[in-house]
Amino acid sequence: MKHTILLLLITISASLNAQMESKENWNTLGMVTITKEYDESMGMEIQKPIVGIIAQQLDGKEVELSGFIIPLTGKLAQSHFMLSRYPQSMCFFCGKAGPETAAQVFMKDKKKVEFTEDKVTIKGILRINATDMNNLLYTLDQAELIK
């Protein structure tokens, strides 16, 4: 009986730690300053994100992020999609959040993930894009669905 309770407590603790790590990673990735500058190629002023030094330290490292799948090609199973910290009604592309709240995801071995409106947790290698304004600020490569 004691072993069962101990195992249950360890399992609950590991789950809570993973949830906290994911939330902390979004908080860290949220350390972005937005500046405005004129872009000659676009002929207009654009907002340029500057990633904070702490967030930069995650570049190239495996991280976990929990969020909502924003499908790129309909609500089908996909191996490339966007993960948003917030539900679709509040996501970056809906104008209610900043670029630091979303990441594009490329699944390991092109494994497809079924669309769901429930929150999911993904782990992968974080890539920070601070220069190409035509792509998302964050990418998870070699990603795997945790839950």
N, C-alpha and C. Protein backbone atom coordinates (compact mmCIF):
# COMPACT_ATOMS: atom_id res chain seq x y z
N MET A 1 0.82 -1.19 0.00
CA MET A 1 0.00 0.00 0.00
C MET A 1 0.87 1.26 0.00
N LYS A 2 1.93 1.27 0.86
CA LYS A 2 2.81 2.43 0.93
C LYS A 2 3.51 2.66 -0.41
N HIS A 3 3.89 1.56 -1.08
CA HIS A 3 4.57 1.67 -2.38
C HIS A 3 3.63 2.25 -3.43
N THR A 4 2.36 1.87 -3.37
CA THR A 4 1.38 2.38 -4.33
C THR A 4 1.18 3.88 -4.15
N ILE A 5 1.06 4.32 -2.90
CA ILE A 5 0.88 5.74 -2.61
C ILE A 5 2.12 6.52 -3.03
N LEU A 6 3.30 5.99 -2.75
CA LEU A 6 4.54 6.65 -3.14
C LEU A 6 4.65 6.76 -4.66
N LEU A 7 4.31 5.70 -5.36
CA LEU A 7 4.33 5.72 -6.83
C LEU A 7 3.33 6.75 -7.37
N LEU A 8 2.16 6.82 -6.78
CA LEU A 8 1.15 7.79 -7.19
C LEU A 8 1.66 9.21 -6.96
N LEU A 9 2.28 9.47 -5.82
CA LEU A 9 2.81 10.81 -5.54
C LEU A 9 3.93 11.19 -6.50
N ILE A 10 4.78 10.25 -6.85
CA ILE A 10 5.86 10.50 -7.80
C ILE A 10 5.28 10.83 -9.17
N THR A 11 4.27 10.08 -9.60
CA THR A 11 3.63 10.32 -10.89
C THR A 11 2.98 11.70 -10.94
N ILE A 12 2.25 12.06 -9.88
CA ILE A 12 1.60 13.37 -9.81
C ILE A 12 2.65 14.48 -9.82
N SER A 13 3.72 14.30 -9.07
CA SER A 13 4.79 15.29 -9.02
C SER A 13 5.44 15.49 -10.38
N ALA A 14 5.71 14.40 -11.10
CA ALA A 14 6.32 14.50 -12.43
C ALA A 14 5.39 15.23 -13.39
N SER A 15 4.10 14.95 -13.31
CA SER A 15 3.13 15.61 -14.18
C SER A 15 3.06 17.11 -13.89
N LEU A 16 3.03 17.48 -12.62
CA LEU A 16 2.99 18.89 -12.24
C LEU A 16 4.27 19.60 -12.65
N ASN A 17 5.42 18.93 -12.52
CA ASN A 17 6.69 19.53 -12.93
C ASN A 17 6.70 19.79 -14.43
N ALA A 18 6.19 18.85 -15.24
CA ALA A 18 6.14 19.04 -16.69
C ALA A 18 5.23 20.22 -17.04
N GLN A 19 4.08 20.34 -16.35
CA GLN A 19 3.17 21.44 -16.60
C GLN A 19 3.82 22.77 -16.23
N MET A 20 4.52 22.80 -15.11
CA MET A 20 5.19 24.04 -14.68
C MET A 20 6.30 24.40 -15.65
N GLU A 21 7.08 23.40 -16.10
CA GLU A 21 8.18 23.66 -17.03
C GLU A 21 7.64 24.26 -18.32
N SER A 22 6.54 23.71 -18.82
CA SER A 22 5.94 24.22 -20.05
C SER A 22 5.49 25.67 -19.87
N LYS A 23 4.83 25.96 -18.75
CA LYS A 23 4.37 27.32 -18.49
C LYS A 23 5.56 28.25 -18.34
N GLU A 24 6.60 27.80 -17.63
CA GLU A 24 7.79 28.62 -17.46
C GLU A 24 8.47 28.87 -18.81
N ASN A 25 8.47 27.87 -19.70
CA ASN A 25 9.08 28.08 -21.01
C ASN A 25 8.32 29.14 -21.80
N TRP A 26 6.99 29.11 -21.78
CA TRP A 26 6.23 30.17 -22.46
C TRP A 26 6.54 31.52 -21.84
N ASN A 27 6.64 31.57 -20.50
CA ASN A 27 6.96 32.83 -19.84
C ASN A 27 8.33 33.34 -20.26
N THR A 28 9.30 32.43 -20.35
CA THR A 28 10.63 32.80 -20.78
C THR A 28 10.62 33.27 -22.23
N LEU A 29 9.92 32.54 -23.10
CA LEU A 29 9.84 32.94 -24.51
C LEU A 29 9.08 34.25 -24.67
N GLY A 30 8.28 34.59 -23.68
CA GLY A 30 7.54 35.85 -23.72
C GLY A 30 8.40 37.07 -23.41
N MET A 31 9.65 36.83 -23.04
CA MET A 31 10.56 37.95 -22.74
C MET A 31 11.06 38.55 -24.06
N VAL A 32 10.16 39.28 -24.71
CA VAL A 32 10.42 39.86 -26.02
C VAL A 32 10.06 41.34 -25.96
N THR A 33 10.90 42.14 -26.57
CA THR A 33 10.63 43.57 -26.72
C THR A 33 10.27 43.80 -28.17
N ILE A 34 9.24 44.56 -28.40
CA ILE A 34 8.82 44.87 -29.78
C ILE A 34 9.28 46.29 -30.12
N THR A 35 10.04 46.39 -31.21
CA THR A 35 10.44 47.71 -31.70
C THR A 35 9.81 47.93 -33.07
N LYS A 36 9.74 49.16 -33.48
CA LYS A 36 9.22 49.48 -34.81
C LYS A 36 10.35 50.02 -35.65
N GLU A 37 10.39 49.56 -36.90
CA GLU A 37 11.39 50.07 -37.83
C GLU A 37 10.81 50.04 -39.25
N TYR A 38 11.34 50.90 -40.07
CA TYR A 38 10.88 50.97 -41.45
C TYR A 38 11.56 49.87 -42.26
N ASP A 39 10.78 49.09 -42.99
CA ASP A 39 11.31 48.03 -43.85
C ASP A 39 11.15 48.49 -45.30
N GLU A 40 12.30 48.73 -45.95
CA GLU A 40 12.26 49.22 -47.33
C GLU A 40 11.63 48.22 -48.29
N SER A 41 11.90 46.93 -48.09
CA SER A 41 11.37 45.93 -49.01
C SER A 41 9.84 45.85 -48.95
N MET A 42 9.28 46.14 -47.78
CA MET A 42 7.82 46.12 -47.63
C MET A 42 7.22 47.51 -47.83
N GLY A 43 8.06 48.53 -47.76
CA GLY A 43 7.58 49.90 -47.94
C GLY A 43 6.72 50.39 -46.80
N MET A 44 6.98 49.88 -45.61
CA MET A 44 6.18 50.31 -44.46
C MET A 44 6.92 50.03 -43.16
N GLU A 45 6.38 50.59 -42.09
CA GLU A 45 6.93 50.34 -40.77
C GLU A 45 6.45 48.98 -40.28
N ILE A 46 7.36 48.20 -39.72
CA ILE A 46 7.00 46.88 -39.20
C ILE A 46 7.39 46.79 -37.73
N GLN A 47 6.76 45.85 -37.05
CA GLN A 47 7.14 45.56 -35.68
C GLN A 47 8.17 44.45 -35.70
N LYS A 48 9.27 44.68 -35.01
CA LYS A 48 10.35 43.69 -34.98
C LYS A 48 10.54 43.21 -33.54
N PRO A 49 10.40 41.89 -33.32
CA PRO A 49 10.60 41.37 -31.97
C PRO A 49 12.09 41.20 -31.67
N ILE A 50 12.47 41.55 -30.46
CA ILE A 50 13.83 41.34 -29.98
C ILE A 50 13.73 40.38 -28.80
N VAL A 51 14.29 39.17 -28.99
CA VAL A 51 14.19 38.12 -27.98
C VAL A 51 15.17 38.40 -26.84
N GLY A 52 14.66 38.29 -25.61
CA GLY A 52 15.47 38.53 -24.42
C GLY A 52 16.61 37.52 -24.28
N ILE A 53 17.61 37.90 -23.53
CA ILE A 53 18.82 37.08 -23.36
C ILE A 53 18.51 35.73 -22.71
N ILE A 54 17.57 35.70 -21.78
CA ILE A 54 17.23 34.43 -21.12
C ILE A 54 16.56 33.49 -22.12
N ALA A 55 15.65 34.03 -22.92
CA ALA A 55 14.99 33.21 -23.95
C ALA A 55 16.01 32.74 -24.99
N GLN A 56 16.97 33.58 -25.34
CA GLN A 56 17.99 33.19 -26.31
C GLN A 56 18.78 31.96 -25.87
N GLN A 57 18.91 31.78 -24.57
CA GLN A 57 19.65 30.63 -24.04
C GLN A 57 18.95 29.31 -24.30
N LEU A 58 17.66 29.34 -24.66
CA LEU A 58 16.93 28.12 -24.98
C LEU A 58 17.10 27.71 -26.43
N ASP A 59 17.65 28.60 -27.26
CA ASP A 59 17.82 28.32 -28.69
C ASP A 59 18.70 27.07 -28.86
N GLY A 60 18.17 26.10 -29.63
CA GLY A 60 18.91 24.86 -29.88
C GLY A 60 18.75 23.81 -28.80
N LYS A 61 17.96 24.11 -27.78
CA LYS A 61 17.75 23.17 -26.68
C LYS A 61 16.37 22.53 -26.78
N GLU A 62 16.22 21.36 -26.19
CA GLU A 62 14.91 20.71 -26.15
C GLU A 62 14.07 21.39 -25.09
N VAL A 63 12.85 21.78 -25.48
CA VAL A 63 11.91 22.41 -24.56
C VAL A 63 10.54 21.76 -24.70
N GLU A 64 9.73 21.94 -23.68
CA GLU A 64 8.34 21.50 -23.71
C GLU A 64 7.46 22.74 -23.72
N LEU A 65 6.42 22.69 -24.56
CA LEU A 65 5.42 23.75 -24.60
C LEU A 65 4.04 23.13 -24.63
N SER A 66 3.15 23.66 -23.81
CA SER A 66 1.76 23.23 -23.84
C SER A 66 0.96 24.33 -24.51
N GLY A 67 0.06 23.93 -25.37
CA GLY A 67 -0.74 24.92 -26.06
C GLY A 67 -1.79 24.28 -26.94
N PHE A 68 -2.27 25.06 -27.87
CA PHE A 68 -3.37 24.65 -28.72
C PHE A 68 -2.90 24.56 -30.17
N ILE A 69 -3.31 23.50 -30.83
CA ILE A 69 -2.96 23.30 -32.23
C ILE A 69 -3.76 24.27 -33.09
N ILE A 70 -3.04 25.03 -33.90
CA ILE A 70 -3.66 25.88 -34.90
C ILE A 70 -3.29 25.24 -36.24
N PRO A 71 -4.23 24.54 -36.86
CA PRO A 71 -3.89 23.80 -38.09
C PRO A 71 -3.58 24.73 -39.24
N LEU A 72 -2.67 24.30 -40.10
CA LEU A 72 -2.30 25.10 -41.26
C LEU A 72 -3.07 24.69 -42.51
N THR A 73 -3.59 23.46 -42.51
CA THR A 73 -4.32 22.98 -43.69
C THR A 73 -5.60 22.26 -43.28
N GLY A 74 -6.48 22.95 -42.61
CA GLY A 74 -7.74 22.34 -42.18
C GLY A 74 -7.55 21.54 -40.91
N LYS A 75 -8.63 21.08 -40.35
CA LYS A 75 -8.59 20.37 -39.07
C LYS A 75 -8.33 18.88 -39.29
N LEU A 76 -7.20 18.61 -39.93
CA LEU A 76 -6.77 17.24 -40.23
C LEU A 76 -5.52 16.91 -39.44
N ALA A 77 -5.14 15.64 -39.43
CA ALA A 77 -3.87 15.24 -38.82
C ALA A 77 -2.75 15.87 -39.64
N GLN A 78 -1.77 16.47 -38.95
CA GLN A 78 -0.69 17.17 -39.63
C GLN A 78 0.63 16.95 -38.92
N SER A 79 1.71 17.01 -39.70
CA SER A 79 3.05 16.91 -39.11
C SER A 79 3.71 18.28 -39.01
N HIS A 80 3.08 19.29 -39.58
CA HIS A 80 3.54 20.68 -39.50
C HIS A 80 2.33 21.54 -39.17
N PHE A 81 2.39 22.22 -38.04
CA PHE A 81 1.27 23.05 -37.59
C PHE A 81 1.80 24.14 -36.68
N MET A 82 0.92 25.00 -36.24
CA MET A 82 1.29 26.04 -35.30
C MET A 82 0.78 25.64 -33.92
N LEU A 83 1.59 25.90 -32.92
CA LEU A 83 1.18 25.69 -31.53
C LEU A 83 1.06 27.07 -30.89
N SER A 84 -0.10 27.35 -30.33
CA SER A 84 -0.35 28.64 -29.71
C SER A 84 -0.51 28.49 -28.21
N ARG A 85 0.07 29.42 -27.48
CA ARG A 85 -0.09 29.40 -26.03
C ARG A 85 -1.57 29.53 -25.66
N TYR A 86 -2.31 30.21 -26.52
CA TYR A 86 -3.71 30.50 -26.25
C TYR A 86 -4.62 29.81 -27.26
N PRO A 87 -5.90 29.62 -26.92
CA PRO A 87 -6.84 29.03 -27.88
C PRO A 87 -6.93 29.88 -29.14
N GLN A 88 -7.44 29.29 -30.20
CA GLN A 88 -7.47 29.94 -31.50
C GLN A 88 -8.16 31.31 -31.45
N SER A 89 -9.16 31.47 -30.62
CA SER A 89 -9.88 32.75 -30.55
C SER A 89 -9.01 33.87 -29.98
N MET A 90 -7.90 33.52 -29.35
CA MET A 90 -7.02 34.51 -28.74
C MET A 90 -5.61 34.46 -29.33
N CYS A 91 -5.40 33.70 -30.40
CA CYS A 91 -4.05 33.45 -30.88
C CYS A 91 -3.45 34.67 -31.59
N PHE A 92 -2.17 34.57 -31.86
CA PHE A 92 -1.39 35.63 -32.50
C PHE A 92 -2.01 36.09 -33.81
N PHE A 93 -2.43 35.14 -34.66
CA PHE A 93 -2.96 35.50 -35.96
C PHE A 93 -4.35 36.11 -35.89
N CYS A 94 -4.99 36.02 -34.73
CA CYS A 94 -6.29 36.65 -34.56
C CYS A 94 -6.14 38.07 -34.02
N GLY A 95 -4.90 38.50 -33.80
CA GLY A 95 -4.64 39.86 -33.37
C GLY A 95 -4.75 40.11 -31.88
N LYS A 96 -4.84 39.05 -31.09
CA LYS A 96 -5.04 39.25 -29.66
C LYS A 96 -3.83 38.86 -28.82
N ALA A 97 -2.72 38.50 -29.46
CA ALA A 97 -1.51 38.13 -28.74
C ALA A 97 -0.31 38.46 -29.62
N GLY A 98 0.86 38.42 -29.04
CA GLY A 98 2.07 38.76 -29.77
C GLY A 98 2.73 37.55 -30.41
N PRO A 99 3.76 37.79 -31.22
CA PRO A 99 4.45 36.70 -31.92
C PRO A 99 5.16 35.73 -30.99
N GLU A 100 5.40 36.15 -29.76
CA GLU A 100 6.08 35.29 -28.80
C GLU A 100 5.17 34.22 -28.21
N THR A 101 3.90 34.20 -28.60
CA THR A 101 2.94 33.25 -28.05
C THR A 101 2.63 32.09 -29.00
N ALA A 102 3.43 31.98 -30.06
CA ALA A 102 3.17 30.92 -31.04
C ALA A 102 4.49 30.34 -31.53
N ALA A 103 4.43 29.08 -31.93
CA ALA A 103 5.60 28.41 -32.51
C ALA A 103 5.12 27.50 -33.63
N GLN A 104 5.89 27.45 -34.71
CA GLN A 104 5.55 26.45 -35.72
C GLN A 104 6.22 25.14 -35.28
N VAL A 105 5.57 24.04 -35.58
CA VAL A 105 6.01 22.73 -35.12
C VAL A 105 6.23 21.82 -36.33
N PHE A 106 7.38 21.17 -36.34
CA PHE A 106 7.69 20.14 -37.32
C PHE A 106 7.91 18.84 -36.54
N MET A 107 7.01 17.90 -36.71
CA MET A 107 7.06 16.65 -35.95
C MET A 107 8.21 15.75 -36.41
N LYS A 108 8.80 15.05 -35.47
CA LYS A 108 9.87 14.10 -35.75
C LYS A 108 9.34 13.02 -36.69
N ASP A 109 10.14 12.68 -37.68
CA ASP A 109 9.80 11.65 -38.68
C ASP A 109 8.47 11.95 -39.39
N LYS A 110 8.09 13.23 -39.42
CA LYS A 110 6.85 13.67 -40.08
C LYS A 110 5.60 12.96 -39.54
N LYS A 111 5.68 12.54 -38.28
CA LYS A 111 4.54 11.89 -37.64
C LYS A 111 3.38 12.89 -37.57
N LYS A 112 2.20 12.44 -37.93
CA LYS A 112 1.04 13.32 -37.93
C LYS A 112 0.36 13.31 -36.57
N VAL A 113 -0.12 14.48 -36.19
CA VAL A 113 -0.84 14.67 -34.94
C VAL A 113 -2.27 15.02 -35.29
N GLU A 114 -3.21 14.32 -34.69
CA GLU A 114 -4.63 14.59 -34.92
C GLU A 114 -4.98 15.96 -34.34
N PHE A 115 -5.78 16.72 -35.06
CA PHE A 115 -6.25 18.00 -34.55
C PHE A 115 -7.15 17.77 -33.34
N THR A 116 -7.01 18.63 -32.35
CA THR A 116 -7.87 18.63 -31.19
C THR A 116 -8.00 20.07 -30.70
N GLU A 117 -9.10 20.37 -30.08
CA GLU A 117 -9.27 21.69 -29.48
C GLU A 117 -8.78 21.70 -28.04
N ASP A 118 -8.37 20.53 -27.54
CA ASP A 118 -7.82 20.43 -26.19
C ASP A 118 -6.36 20.86 -26.19
N LYS A 119 -5.88 21.27 -25.03
CA LYS A 119 -4.48 21.65 -24.88
C LYS A 119 -3.60 20.41 -25.01
N VAL A 120 -2.49 20.54 -25.72
CA VAL A 120 -1.53 19.45 -25.89
C VAL A 120 -0.17 19.91 -25.39
N THR A 121 0.70 18.95 -25.13
CA THR A 121 2.08 19.26 -24.75
C THR A 121 3.00 18.63 -25.77
N ILE A 122 3.91 19.46 -26.28
CA ILE A 122 4.84 19.06 -27.33
C ILE A 122 6.25 19.34 -26.82
N LYS A 123 7.19 18.44 -27.12
CA LYS A 123 8.59 18.76 -26.84
C LYS A 123 9.37 18.68 -28.14
N GLY A 124 10.36 19.54 -28.26
CA GLY A 124 11.17 19.56 -29.46
C GLY A 124 12.34 20.51 -29.30
N ILE A 125 13.15 20.60 -30.34
CA ILE A 125 14.32 21.48 -30.33
C ILE A 125 13.86 22.87 -30.75
N LEU A 126 14.08 23.83 -29.87
CA LEU A 126 13.66 25.21 -30.13
C LEU A 126 14.65 25.89 -31.07
N ARG A 127 14.10 26.54 -32.08
CA ARG A 127 14.88 27.38 -33.00
C ARG A 127 14.27 28.78 -32.94
N ILE A 128 15.12 29.77 -32.71
CA ILE A 128 14.66 31.15 -32.64
C ILE A 128 14.99 31.85 -33.95
N ASN A 129 14.00 32.50 -34.53
CA ASN A 129 14.16 33.24 -35.77
C ASN A 129 13.99 34.72 -35.45
N ALA A 130 15.09 35.42 -35.31
CA ALA A 130 15.02 36.84 -34.96
C ALA A 130 15.24 37.74 -36.17
N THR A 131 15.36 37.16 -37.36
CA THR A 131 15.71 37.99 -38.52
C THR A 131 14.70 37.96 -39.66
N ASP A 132 14.03 36.86 -39.89
CA ASP A 132 13.11 36.74 -41.03
C ASP A 132 11.68 37.01 -40.58
N MET A 133 11.20 38.21 -40.88
CA MET A 133 9.88 38.62 -40.43
C MET A 133 8.75 37.91 -41.18
N ASN A 134 9.08 37.13 -42.21
CA ASN A 134 8.06 36.39 -42.96
C ASN A 134 7.77 35.03 -42.34
N ASN A 135 8.50 34.67 -41.30
CA ASN A 135 8.29 33.40 -40.60
C ASN A 135 8.08 33.65 -39.12
N LEU A 136 7.58 32.63 -38.44
CA LEU A 136 7.34 32.76 -37.01
C LEU A 136 8.65 32.94 -36.24
N LEU A 137 8.53 33.55 -35.09
CA LEU A 137 9.68 33.80 -34.23
C LEU A 137 10.26 32.51 -33.67
N TYR A 138 9.38 31.54 -33.35
CA TYR A 138 9.82 30.29 -32.74
C TYR A 138 9.41 29.09 -33.58
N THR A 139 10.28 28.09 -33.60
CA THR A 139 10.01 26.81 -34.26
C THR A 139 10.44 25.69 -33.32
N LEU A 140 9.65 24.62 -33.28
CA LEU A 140 10.05 23.39 -32.60
C LEU A 140 10.33 22.36 -33.69
N ASP A 141 11.57 21.90 -33.77
CA ASP A 141 11.97 20.86 -34.72
C ASP A 141 12.07 19.52 -33.99
N GLN A 142 11.95 18.45 -34.77
CA GLN A 142 12.07 17.09 -34.21
C GLN A 142 11.11 16.93 -33.01
N ALA A 143 9.91 17.47 -33.18
CA ALA A 143 8.95 17.53 -32.08
C ALA A 143 8.25 16.19 -31.86
N GLU A 144 7.84 15.99 -30.61
CA GLU A 144 7.09 14.79 -30.22
C GLU A 144 5.93 15.22 -29.35
N LEU A 145 4.79 14.55 -29.54
CA LEU A 145 3.61 14.80 -28.72
C LEU A 145 3.78 14.07 -27.40
N ILE A 146 3.70 14.82 -26.30
CA ILE A 146 3.80 14.21 -24.98
C ILE A 146 2.42 13.83 -24.47
N LYS A 147 1.47 14.74 -24.62
CA LYS A 147 0.08 14.47 -24.25
C LYS A 147 -0.86 15.44 -24.88
